[in-house]
mmCIF file of all heavy atoms, coordinates in Angstrom:
data_MODEL
# 
_entry.id   MODEL 
# 
loop_
_atom_site.group_PDB 
_atom_site.id 
_atom_site.type_symbol 
_atom_site.label_atom_id 
_atom_site.label_alt_id 
_atom_site.label_comp_id 
_atom_site.label_asym_id 
_atom_site.label_entity_id 
_atom_site.label_seq_id 
_atom_site.pdbx_PDB_ins_code 
_atom_site.Cartn_x 
_atom_site.Cartn_y 
_atom_site.Cartn_z 
_atom_site.occupancy 
_atom_site.B_iso_or_equiv 
_atom_site.pdbx_formal_charge 
_atom_site.auth_seq_id 
_atom_site.auth_comp_id 
_atom_site.auth_asym_id 
_atom_site.auth_atom_id 
_atom_site.pdbx_PDB_model_num 
ATOM 1   N N   . ALA A 1 1  ? 0.808  -1.191 -0.004 1.00 0.00 ? 1  ALA A N   1 
ATOM 2   C CA  . ALA A 1 1  ? 0.043  -0.031 0.042  1.00 0.00 ? 1  ALA A CA  1 
ATOM 3   C C   . ALA A 1 1  ? 0.798  1.228  -0.008 1.00 0.00 ? 1  ALA A C   1 
ATOM 4   O O   . ALA A 1 1  ? 0.619  2.213  -0.750 1.00 0.00 ? 1  ALA A O   1 
ATOM 5   C CB  . ALA A 1 1  ? -0.854 0.079  1.211  1.00 0.00 ? 1  ALA A CB  1 
ATOM 6   N N   . MET A 1 2  ? 1.870  1.287  0.873  1.00 0.00 ? 2  MET A N   1 
ATOM 7   C CA  . MET A 1 2  ? 2.752  2.563  0.961  1.00 0.00 ? 2  MET A CA  1 
ATOM 8   C C   . MET A 1 2  ? 3.466  2.721  -0.391 1.00 0.00 ? 2  MET A C   1 
ATOM 9   O O   . MET A 1 2  ? 3.557  3.860  -0.919 1.00 0.00 ? 2  MET A O   1 
ATOM 10  C CB  . MET A 1 2  ? 3.716  2.405  2.127  1.00 0.00 ? 2  MET A CB  1 
ATOM 11  C CG  . MET A 1 2  ? 4.709  3.571  2.129  1.00 0.00 ? 2  MET A CG  1 
ATOM 12  S SD  . MET A 1 2  ? 5.834  3.557  3.611  1.00 0.00 ? 2  MET A SD  1 
ATOM 13  C CE  . MET A 1 2  ? 4.565  3.988  4.913  1.00 0.00 ? 2  MET A CE  1 
ATOM 14  N N   . PHE A 1 3  ? 3.976  1.698  -1.028 1.00 0.00 ? 3  PHE A N   1 
ATOM 15  C CA  . PHE A 1 3  ? 4.777  1.870  -2.262 1.00 0.00 ? 3  PHE A CA  1 
ATOM 16  C C   . PHE A 1 3  ? 3.774  2.201  -3.453 1.00 0.00 ? 3  PHE A C   1 
ATOM 17  O O   . PHE A 1 3  ? 4.204  3.014  -4.363 1.00 0.00 ? 3  PHE A O   1 
ATOM 18  C CB  . PHE A 1 3  ? 5.420  0.534  -2.554 1.00 0.00 ? 3  PHE A CB  1 
ATOM 19  C CG  . PHE A 1 3  ? 6.424  0.102  -1.564 1.00 0.00 ? 3  PHE A CG  1 
ATOM 20  C CD1 . PHE A 1 3  ? 6.045  -0.888 -0.704 1.00 0.00 ? 3  PHE A CD1 1 
ATOM 21  C CD2 . PHE A 1 3  ? 7.661  0.672  -1.403 1.00 0.00 ? 3  PHE A CD2 1 
ATOM 22  C CE1 . PHE A 1 3  ? 6.983  -1.401 0.260  1.00 0.00 ? 3  PHE A CE1 1 
ATOM 23  C CE2 . PHE A 1 3  ? 8.568  0.201  -0.434 1.00 0.00 ? 3  PHE A CE2 1 
ATOM 24  C CZ  . PHE A 1 3  ? 8.188  -0.774 0.406  1.00 0.00 ? 3  PHE A CZ  1 
ATOM 25  N N   . GLN A 1 4  ? 2.509  1.755  -3.359 1.00 0.00 ? 4  GLN A N   1 
ATOM 26  C CA  . GLN A 1 4  ? 1.589  2.189  -4.282 1.00 0.00 ? 4  GLN A CA  1 
ATOM 27  C C   . GLN A 1 4  ? 1.245  3.710  -4.280 1.00 0.00 ? 4  GLN A C   1 
ATOM 28  O O   . GLN A 1 4  ? 0.928  4.375  -5.221 1.00 0.00 ? 4  GLN A O   1 
ATOM 29  C CB  . GLN A 1 4  ? 0.294  1.302  -4.303 1.00 0.00 ? 4  GLN A CB  1 
ATOM 30  C CG  . GLN A 1 4  ? 0.452  -0.172 -4.660 1.00 0.00 ? 4  GLN A CG  1 
ATOM 31  C CD  . GLN A 1 4  ? -0.679 -0.990 -4.241 1.00 0.00 ? 4  GLN A CD  1 
ATOM 32  O OE1 . GLN A 1 4  ? -1.635 -0.643 -3.473 1.00 0.00 ? 4  GLN A OE1 1 
ATOM 33  N NE2 . GLN A 1 4  ? -0.762 -2.303 -4.832 1.00 0.00 ? 4  GLN A NE2 1 
ATOM 34  N N   . MET A 1 5  ? 1.192  4.172  -3.060 1.00 0.00 ? 5  MET A N   1 
ATOM 35  C CA  . MET A 1 5  ? 0.872  5.554  -2.777 1.00 0.00 ? 5  MET A CA  1 
ATOM 36  C C   . MET A 1 5  ? 2.085  6.397  -3.292 1.00 0.00 ? 5  MET A C   1 
ATOM 37  O O   . MET A 1 5  ? 1.929  7.450  -4.033 1.00 0.00 ? 5  MET A O   1 
ATOM 38  C CB  . MET A 1 5  ? 0.676  5.918  -1.353 1.00 0.00 ? 5  MET A CB  1 
ATOM 39  C CG  . MET A 1 5  ? 0.328  7.386  -1.074 1.00 0.00 ? 5  MET A CG  1 
ATOM 40  S SD  . MET A 1 5  ? 0.373  7.772  0.690  1.00 0.00 ? 5  MET A SD  1 
ATOM 41  C CE  . MET A 1 5  ? 2.194  8.004  1.020  1.00 0.00 ? 5  MET A CE  1 
ATOM 42  N N   . PHE A 1 6  ? 3.264  5.947  -3.121 1.00 0.00 ? 6  PHE A N   1 
ATOM 43  C CA  . PHE A 1 6  ? 4.544  6.671  -3.597 1.00 0.00 ? 6  PHE A CA  1 
ATOM 44  C C   . PHE A 1 6  ? 4.546  6.691  -5.074 1.00 0.00 ? 6  PHE A C   1 
ATOM 45  O O   . PHE A 1 6  ? 5.252  7.620  -5.722 1.00 0.00 ? 6  PHE A O   1 
ATOM 46  C CB  . PHE A 1 6  ? 5.827  5.975  -3.124 1.00 0.00 ? 6  PHE A CB  1 
ATOM 47  C CG  . PHE A 1 6  ? 5.951  6.142  -1.638 1.00 0.00 ? 6  PHE A CG  1 
ATOM 48  C CD1 . PHE A 1 6  ? 6.869  5.277  -0.883 1.00 0.00 ? 6  PHE A CD1 1 
ATOM 49  C CD2 . PHE A 1 6  ? 5.481  7.202  -0.947 1.00 0.00 ? 6  PHE A CD2 1 
ATOM 50  C CE1 . PHE A 1 6  ? 7.021  5.475  0.416  1.00 0.00 ? 6  PHE A CE1 1 
ATOM 51  C CE2 . PHE A 1 6  ? 5.584  7.283  0.445  1.00 0.00 ? 6  PHE A CE2 1 
ATOM 52  C CZ  . PHE A 1 6  ? 6.467  6.434  1.143  1.00 0.00 ? 6  PHE A CZ  1 
ATOM 53  N N   . ASP A 1 7  ? 4.032  5.718  -5.825 1.00 0.00 ? 7  ASP A N   1 
ATOM 54  C CA  . ASP A 1 7  ? 4.135  5.523  -7.257 1.00 0.00 ? 7  ASP A CA  1 
ATOM 55  C C   . ASP A 1 7  ? 3.683  6.809  -8.023 1.00 0.00 ? 7  ASP A C   1 
ATOM 56  O O   . ASP A 1 7  ? 4.257  7.200  -9.010 1.00 0.00 ? 7  ASP A O   1 
ATOM 57  C CB  . ASP A 1 7  ? 3.335  4.355  -7.802 1.00 0.00 ? 7  ASP A CB  1 
ATOM 58  C CG  . ASP A 1 7  ? 4.093  3.081  -7.539 1.00 0.00 ? 7  ASP A CG  1 
ATOM 59  O OD1 . ASP A 1 7  ? 5.312  3.073  -7.206 1.00 0.00 ? 7  ASP A OD1 1 
ATOM 60  O OD2 . ASP A 1 7  ? 3.408  1.971  -7.609 1.00 0.00 ? 7  ASP A OD2 1 
ATOM 61  N N   . VAL A 1 8  ? 2.730  7.450  -7.388 1.00 0.00 ? 8  VAL A N   1 
ATOM 62  C CA  . VAL A 1 8  ? 2.135  8.628  -8.071 1.00 0.00 ? 8  VAL A CA  1 
ATOM 63  C C   . VAL A 1 8  ? 2.599  9.981  -7.611 1.00 0.00 ? 8  VAL A C   1 
ATOM 64  O O   . VAL A 1 8  ? 2.120  11.006 -7.988 1.00 0.00 ? 8  VAL A O   1 
ATOM 65  C CB  . VAL A 1 8  ? 0.620  8.636  -8.094 1.00 0.00 ? 8  VAL A CB  1 
ATOM 66  C CG1 . VAL A 1 8  ? 0.070  7.384  -8.843 1.00 0.00 ? 8  VAL A CG1 1 
ATOM 67  C CG2 . VAL A 1 8  ? 0.066  8.555  -6.679 1.00 0.00 ? 8  VAL A CG2 1 
ATOM 68  N N   . LEU A 1 9  ? 3.636  9.926  -6.717 1.00 0.00 ? 9  LEU A N   1 
ATOM 69  C CA  . LEU A 1 9  ? 4.186  11.138 -6.130 1.00 0.00 ? 9  LEU A CA  1 
ATOM 70  C C   . LEU A 1 9  ? 5.515  11.508 -6.837 1.00 0.00 ? 9  LEU A C   1 
ATOM 71  O O   . LEU A 1 9  ? 6.097  10.646 -7.355 1.00 0.00 ? 9  LEU A O   1 
ATOM 72  C CB  . LEU A 1 9  ? 4.488  10.965 -4.602 1.00 0.00 ? 9  LEU A CB  1 
ATOM 73  C CG  . LEU A 1 9  ? 3.191  10.748 -3.718 1.00 0.00 ? 9  LEU A CG  1 
ATOM 74  C CD1 . LEU A 1 9  ? 3.770  10.539 -2.188 1.00 0.00 ? 9  LEU A CD1 1 
ATOM 75  C CD2 . LEU A 1 9  ? 2.297  11.814 -3.748 1.00 0.00 ? 9  LEU A CD2 1 
ATOM 76  N N   . PRO A 1 10 ? 5.856  12.829 -6.829 1.00 0.00 ? 10 PRO A N   1 
ATOM 77  C CA  . PRO A 1 10 ? 7.181  13.174 -7.379 1.00 0.00 ? 10 PRO A CA  1 
ATOM 78  C C   . PRO A 1 10 ? 8.209  12.459 -6.504 1.00 0.00 ? 10 PRO A C   1 
ATOM 79  O O   . PRO A 1 10 ? 8.110  12.331 -5.366 1.00 0.00 ? 10 PRO A O   1 
ATOM 80  C CB  . PRO A 1 10 ? 7.264  14.658 -7.131 1.00 0.00 ? 10 PRO A CB  1 
ATOM 81  C CG  . PRO A 1 10 ? 5.725  15.027 -7.150 1.00 0.00 ? 10 PRO A CG  1 
ATOM 82  C CD  . PRO A 1 10 ? 5.036  13.945 -6.431 1.00 0.00 ? 10 PRO A CD  1 
ATOM 83  N N   . TYR A 1 11 ? 9.271  11.956 -7.182 1.00 0.00 ? 11 TYR A N   1 
ATOM 84  C CA  . TYR A 1 11 ? 10.393 11.271 -6.576 1.00 0.00 ? 11 TYR A CA  1 
ATOM 85  C C   . TYR A 1 11 ? 9.838  9.942  -5.962 1.00 0.00 ? 11 TYR A C   1 
ATOM 86  O O   . TYR A 1 11 ? 10.472 9.489  -4.938 1.00 0.00 ? 11 TYR A O   1 
ATOM 87  C CB  . TYR A 1 11 ? 11.096 12.178 -5.491 1.00 0.00 ? 11 TYR A CB  1 
ATOM 88  C CG  . TYR A 1 11 ? 11.502 13.494 -6.002 1.00 0.00 ? 11 TYR A CG  1 
ATOM 89  C CD1 . TYR A 1 11 ? 10.777 14.603 -5.611 1.00 0.00 ? 11 TYR A CD1 1 
ATOM 90  C CD2 . TYR A 1 11 ? 12.485 13.719 -6.956 1.00 0.00 ? 11 TYR A CD2 1 
ATOM 91  C CE1 . TYR A 1 11 ? 11.163 15.904 -6.031 1.00 0.00 ? 11 TYR A CE1 1 
ATOM 92  C CE2 . TYR A 1 11 ? 12.889 14.928 -7.406 1.00 0.00 ? 11 TYR A CE2 1 
ATOM 93  C CZ  . TYR A 1 11 ? 12.169 16.035 -6.897 1.00 0.00 ? 11 TYR A CZ  1 
ATOM 94  O OH  . TYR A 1 11 ? 12.501 17.322 -7.472 1.00 0.00 ? 11 TYR A OH  1 
ATOM 95  N N   . GLY A 1 12 ? 8.834  9.421  -6.550 1.00 0.00 ? 12 GLY A N   1 
ATOM 96  C CA  . GLY A 1 12 ? 8.242  8.236  -5.945 1.00 0.00 ? 12 GLY A CA  1 
ATOM 97  C C   . GLY A 1 12 ? 9.189  7.023  -5.906 1.00 0.00 ? 12 GLY A C   1 
ATOM 98  O O   . GLY A 1 12 ? 9.221  6.368  -4.805 1.00 0.00 ? 12 GLY A O   1 
ATOM 99  N N   . SER A 1 13 ? 10.160 6.875  -6.803 1.00 0.00 ? 13 SER A N   1 
ATOM 100 C CA  . SER A 1 13 ? 11.102 5.688  -6.762 1.00 0.00 ? 13 SER A CA  1 
ATOM 101 C C   . SER A 1 13 ? 12.141 5.959  -5.591 1.00 0.00 ? 13 SER A C   1 
ATOM 102 O O   . SER A 1 13 ? 12.367 5.012  -4.902 1.00 0.00 ? 13 SER A O   1 
ATOM 103 C CB  . SER A 1 13 ? 11.856 5.671  -8.046 1.00 0.00 ? 13 SER A CB  1 
ATOM 104 O OG  . SER A 1 13 ? 10.950 5.273  -9.045 1.00 0.00 ? 13 SER A OG  1 
ATOM 105 N N   . LEU A 1 14 ? 12.583 7.215  -5.373 1.00 0.00 ? 14 LEU A N   1 
ATOM 106 C CA  . LEU A 1 14 ? 13.365 7.490  -4.292 1.00 0.00 ? 14 LEU A CA  1 
ATOM 107 C C   . LEU A 1 14 ? 12.742 7.286  -2.991 1.00 0.00 ? 14 LEU A C   1 
ATOM 108 O O   . LEU A 1 14 ? 13.270 6.746  -2.023 1.00 0.00 ? 14 LEU A O   1 
ATOM 109 C CB  . LEU A 1 14 ? 13.790 8.981  -4.395 1.00 0.00 ? 14 LEU A CB  1 
ATOM 110 C CG  . LEU A 1 14 ? 14.784 9.465  -3.192 1.00 0.00 ? 14 LEU A CG  1 
ATOM 111 C CD1 . LEU A 1 14 ? 16.047 8.643  -3.200 1.00 0.00 ? 14 LEU A CD1 1 
ATOM 112 C CD2 . LEU A 1 14 ? 15.083 11.012 -3.494 1.00 0.00 ? 14 LEU A CD2 1 
ATOM 113 N N   . LEU A 1 15 ? 11.439 7.715  -2.876 1.00 0.00 ? 15 LEU A N   1 
ATOM 114 C CA  . LEU A 1 15 ? 10.623 7.545  -1.637 1.00 0.00 ? 15 LEU A CA  1 
ATOM 115 C C   . LEU A 1 15 ? 10.556 6.030  -1.252 1.00 0.00 ? 15 LEU A C   1 
ATOM 116 O O   . LEU A 1 15 ? 10.673 5.613  -0.067 1.00 0.00 ? 15 LEU A O   1 
ATOM 117 C CB  . LEU A 1 15 ? 9.322  8.095  -1.728 1.00 0.00 ? 15 LEU A CB  1 
ATOM 118 C CG  . LEU A 1 15 ? 9.301  9.638  -1.836 1.00 0.00 ? 15 LEU A CG  1 
ATOM 119 C CD1 . LEU A 1 15 ? 7.848  10.109 -2.060 1.00 0.00 ? 15 LEU A CD1 1 
ATOM 120 C CD2 . LEU A 1 15 ? 9.754  10.333 -0.518 1.00 0.00 ? 15 LEU A CD2 1 
ATOM 121 N N   . SER A 1 16 ? 10.346 5.231  -2.366 1.00 0.00 ? 16 SER A N   1 
ATOM 122 C CA  . SER A 1 16 ? 10.203 3.743  -2.151 1.00 0.00 ? 16 SER A CA  1 
ATOM 123 C C   . SER A 1 16 ? 11.486 3.049  -1.772 1.00 0.00 ? 16 SER A C   1 
ATOM 124 O O   . SER A 1 16 ? 11.504 2.172  -0.810 1.00 0.00 ? 16 SER A O   1 
ATOM 125 C CB  . SER A 1 16 ? 9.805  3.091  -3.444 1.00 0.00 ? 16 SER A CB  1 
ATOM 126 O OG  . SER A 1 16 ? 8.364  3.563  -3.748 1.00 0.00 ? 16 SER A OG  1 
ATOM 127 N N   . ILE A 1 17 ? 12.585 3.582  -2.228 1.00 0.00 ? 17 ILE A N   1 
ATOM 128 C CA  . ILE A 1 17 ? 13.975 3.020  -1.834 1.00 0.00 ? 17 ILE A CA  1 
ATOM 129 C C   . ILE A 1 17 ? 14.228 3.310  -0.434 1.00 0.00 ? 17 ILE A C   1 
ATOM 130 O O   . ILE A 1 17 ? 14.613 2.623  0.416  1.00 0.00 ? 17 ILE A O   1 
ATOM 131 C CB  . ILE A 1 17 ? 14.969 3.528  -2.748 1.00 0.00 ? 17 ILE A CB  1 
ATOM 132 C CG1 . ILE A 1 17 ? 14.890 3.007  -4.216 1.00 0.00 ? 17 ILE A CG1 1 
ATOM 133 C CG2 . ILE A 1 17 ? 16.379 3.251  -2.140 1.00 0.00 ? 17 ILE A CG2 1 
ATOM 134 C CD1 . ILE A 1 17 ? 15.741 3.686  -5.192 1.00 0.00 ? 17 ILE A CD1 1 
ATOM 135 N N   . ILE A 1 18 ? 13.882 4.616  0.043  1.00 0.00 ? 18 ILE A N   1 
ATOM 136 C CA  . ILE A 1 18 ? 14.105 4.996  1.396  1.00 0.00 ? 18 ILE A CA  1 
ATOM 137 C C   . ILE A 1 18 ? 13.247 4.158  2.318  1.00 0.00 ? 18 ILE A C   1 
ATOM 138 O O   . ILE A 1 18 ? 13.614 3.759  3.403  1.00 0.00 ? 18 ILE A O   1 
ATOM 139 C CB  . ILE A 1 18 ? 13.806 6.484  1.547  1.00 0.00 ? 18 ILE A CB  1 
ATOM 140 C CG1 . ILE A 1 18 ? 14.809 7.405  0.800  1.00 0.00 ? 18 ILE A CG1 1 
ATOM 141 C CG2 . ILE A 1 18 ? 13.790 6.836  3.019  1.00 0.00 ? 18 ILE A CG2 1 
ATOM 142 C CD1 . ILE A 1 18 ? 14.481 8.815  0.888  1.00 0.00 ? 18 ILE A CD1 1 
ATOM 143 N N   . ALA A 1 19 ? 12.037 3.868  1.846  1.00 0.00 ? 19 ALA A N   1 
ATOM 144 C CA  . ALA A 1 19 ? 11.075 3.127  2.701  1.00 0.00 ? 19 ALA A CA  1 
ATOM 145 C C   . ALA A 1 19 ? 11.583 1.705  2.866  1.00 0.00 ? 19 ALA A C   1 
ATOM 146 O O   . ALA A 1 19 ? 11.445 1.156  3.946  1.00 0.00 ? 19 ALA A O   1 
ATOM 147 C CB  . ALA A 1 19 ? 9.712  3.057  1.999  1.00 0.00 ? 19 ALA A CB  1 
ATOM 148 N N   . VAL A 1 20 ? 12.162 1.041  1.789  1.00 0.00 ? 20 VAL A N   1 
ATOM 149 C CA  . VAL A 1 20 ? 12.582 -0.295 1.884  1.00 0.00 ? 20 VAL A CA  1 
ATOM 150 C C   . VAL A 1 20 ? 13.775 -0.349 2.907  1.00 0.00 ? 20 VAL A C   1 
ATOM 151 O O   . VAL A 1 20 ? 13.910 -1.237 3.768  1.00 0.00 ? 20 VAL A O   1 
ATOM 152 C CB  . VAL A 1 20 ? 13.061 -0.803 0.517  1.00 0.00 ? 20 VAL A CB  1 
ATOM 153 C CG1 . VAL A 1 20 ? 13.891 -2.057 0.701  1.00 0.00 ? 20 VAL A CG1 1 
ATOM 154 C CG2 . VAL A 1 20 ? 11.973 -0.987 -0.407 1.00 0.00 ? 20 VAL A CG2 1 
ATOM 155 N N   . VAL A 1 21 ? 14.685 0.639  2.825  1.00 0.00 ? 21 VAL A N   1 
ATOM 156 C CA  . VAL A 1 21 ? 15.850 0.747  3.852  1.00 0.00 ? 21 VAL A CA  1 
ATOM 157 C C   . VAL A 1 21 ? 15.283 0.929  5.134  1.00 0.00 ? 21 VAL A C   1 
ATOM 158 O O   . VAL A 1 21 ? 15.776 0.269  6.087  1.00 0.00 ? 21 VAL A O   1 
ATOM 159 C CB  . VAL A 1 21 ? 16.706 1.900  3.388  1.00 0.00 ? 21 VAL A CB  1 
ATOM 160 C CG1 . VAL A 1 21 ? 17.798 2.200  4.430  1.00 0.00 ? 21 VAL A CG1 1 
ATOM 161 C CG2 . VAL A 1 21 ? 17.376 1.696  2.008  1.00 0.00 ? 21 VAL A CG2 1 
ATOM 162 N N   . LEU A 1 22 ? 14.279 1.863  5.300  1.00 0.00 ? 22 LEU A N   1 
ATOM 163 C CA  . LEU A 1 22 ? 13.788 2.041  6.611  1.00 0.00 ? 22 LEU A CA  1 
ATOM 164 C C   . LEU A 1 22 ? 13.102 0.800  7.321  1.00 0.00 ? 22 LEU A C   1 
ATOM 165 O O   . LEU A 1 22 ? 13.365 0.521  8.501  1.00 0.00 ? 22 LEU A O   1 
ATOM 166 C CB  . LEU A 1 22 ? 12.765 3.192  6.612  1.00 0.00 ? 22 LEU A CB  1 
ATOM 167 C CG  . LEU A 1 22 ? 12.268 3.607  7.942  1.00 0.00 ? 22 LEU A CG  1 
ATOM 168 C CD1 . LEU A 1 22 ? 13.420 4.181  8.847  1.00 0.00 ? 22 LEU A CD1 1 
ATOM 169 C CD2 . LEU A 1 22 ? 11.354 4.965  7.772  1.00 0.00 ? 22 LEU A CD2 1 
ATOM 170 N N   . VAL A 1 23 ? 12.377 -0.012 6.511  1.00 0.00 ? 23 VAL A N   1 
ATOM 171 C CA  . VAL A 1 23 ? 11.806 -1.156 6.937  1.00 0.00 ? 23 VAL A CA  1 
ATOM 172 C C   . VAL A 1 23 ? 12.868 -2.214 7.416  1.00 0.00 ? 23 VAL A C   1 
ATOM 173 O O   . VAL A 1 23 ? 12.754 -2.782 8.559  1.00 0.00 ? 23 VAL A O   1 
ATOM 174 C CB  . VAL A 1 23 ? 10.988 -1.850 5.831  1.00 0.00 ? 23 VAL A CB  1 
ATOM 175 C CG1 . VAL A 1 23 ? 10.635 -3.333 6.217  1.00 0.00 ? 23 VAL A CG1 1 
ATOM 176 C CG2 . VAL A 1 23 ? 9.687  -1.068 5.575  1.00 0.00 ? 23 VAL A CG2 1 
ATOM 177 N N   . LEU A 1 24 ? 13.984 -2.328 6.660  1.00 0.00 ? 24 LEU A N   1 
ATOM 178 C CA  . LEU A 1 24 ? 15.026 -3.233 7.024  1.00 0.00 ? 24 LEU A CA  1 
ATOM 179 C C   . LEU A 1 24 ? 15.716 -2.798 8.368  1.00 0.00 ? 24 LEU A C   1 
ATOM 180 O O   . LEU A 1 24 ? 16.041 -3.622 9.199  1.00 0.00 ? 24 LEU A O   1 
ATOM 181 C CB  . LEU A 1 24 ? 16.112 -3.348 5.920  1.00 0.00 ? 24 LEU A CB  1 
ATOM 182 C CG  . LEU A 1 24 ? 15.511 -3.965 4.632  1.00 0.00 ? 24 LEU A CG  1 
ATOM 183 C CD1 . LEU A 1 24 ? 16.546 -3.978 3.546  1.00 0.00 ? 24 LEU A CD1 1 
ATOM 184 C CD2 . LEU A 1 24 ? 15.144 -5.477 4.922  1.00 0.00 ? 24 LEU A CD2 1 
ATOM 185 N N   . VAL A 1 25 ? 15.948 -1.421 8.476  1.00 0.00 ? 25 VAL A N   1 
ATOM 186 C CA  . VAL A 1 25 ? 16.724 -0.904 9.611  1.00 0.00 ? 25 VAL A CA  1 
ATOM 187 C C   . VAL A 1 25 ? 15.786 -1.131 10.824 1.00 0.00 ? 25 VAL A C   1 
ATOM 188 O O   . VAL A 1 25 ? 16.213 -1.419 11.940 1.00 0.00 ? 25 VAL A O   1 
ATOM 189 C CB  . VAL A 1 25 ? 17.132 0.463  9.447  1.00 0.00 ? 25 VAL A CB  1 
ATOM 190 C CG1 . VAL A 1 25 ? 17.716 1.075  10.712 1.00 0.00 ? 25 VAL A CG1 1 
ATOM 191 C CG2 . VAL A 1 25 ? 18.042 0.581  8.323  1.00 0.00 ? 25 VAL A CG2 1 
ATOM 192 N N   . PHE A 1 26 ? 14.439 -0.889 10.702 1.00 0.00 ? 26 PHE A N   1 
ATOM 193 C CA  . PHE A 1 26 ? 13.465 -1.133 11.913 1.00 0.00 ? 26 PHE A CA  1 
ATOM 194 C C   . PHE A 1 26 ? 13.541 -2.540 12.290 1.00 0.00 ? 26 PHE A C   1 
ATOM 195 O O   . PHE A 1 26 ? 13.418 -2.829 13.474 1.00 0.00 ? 26 PHE A O   1 
ATOM 196 C CB  . PHE A 1 26 ? 12.145 -0.723 11.344 1.00 0.00 ? 26 PHE A CB  1 
ATOM 197 C CG  . PHE A 1 26 ? 11.716 0.811  11.767 1.00 0.00 ? 26 PHE A CG  1 
ATOM 198 C CD1 . PHE A 1 26 ? 11.191 1.588  10.818 1.00 0.00 ? 26 PHE A CD1 1 
ATOM 199 C CD2 . PHE A 1 26 ? 12.015 1.269  13.055 1.00 0.00 ? 26 PHE A CD2 1 
ATOM 200 C CE1 . PHE A 1 26 ? 10.908 2.852  11.107 1.00 0.00 ? 26 PHE A CE1 1 
ATOM 201 C CE2 . PHE A 1 26 ? 11.716 2.621  13.357 1.00 0.00 ? 26 PHE A CE2 1 
ATOM 202 C CZ  . PHE A 1 26 ? 11.113 3.376  12.352 1.00 0.00 ? 26 PHE A CZ  1 
# 
């Protein structure tokens, strides 16, 4: 769901990469 929301935002790919990193660090 979060990645789907990012898809239509500016810099969506960058936001998704940061989100993946954050999930792993958490």
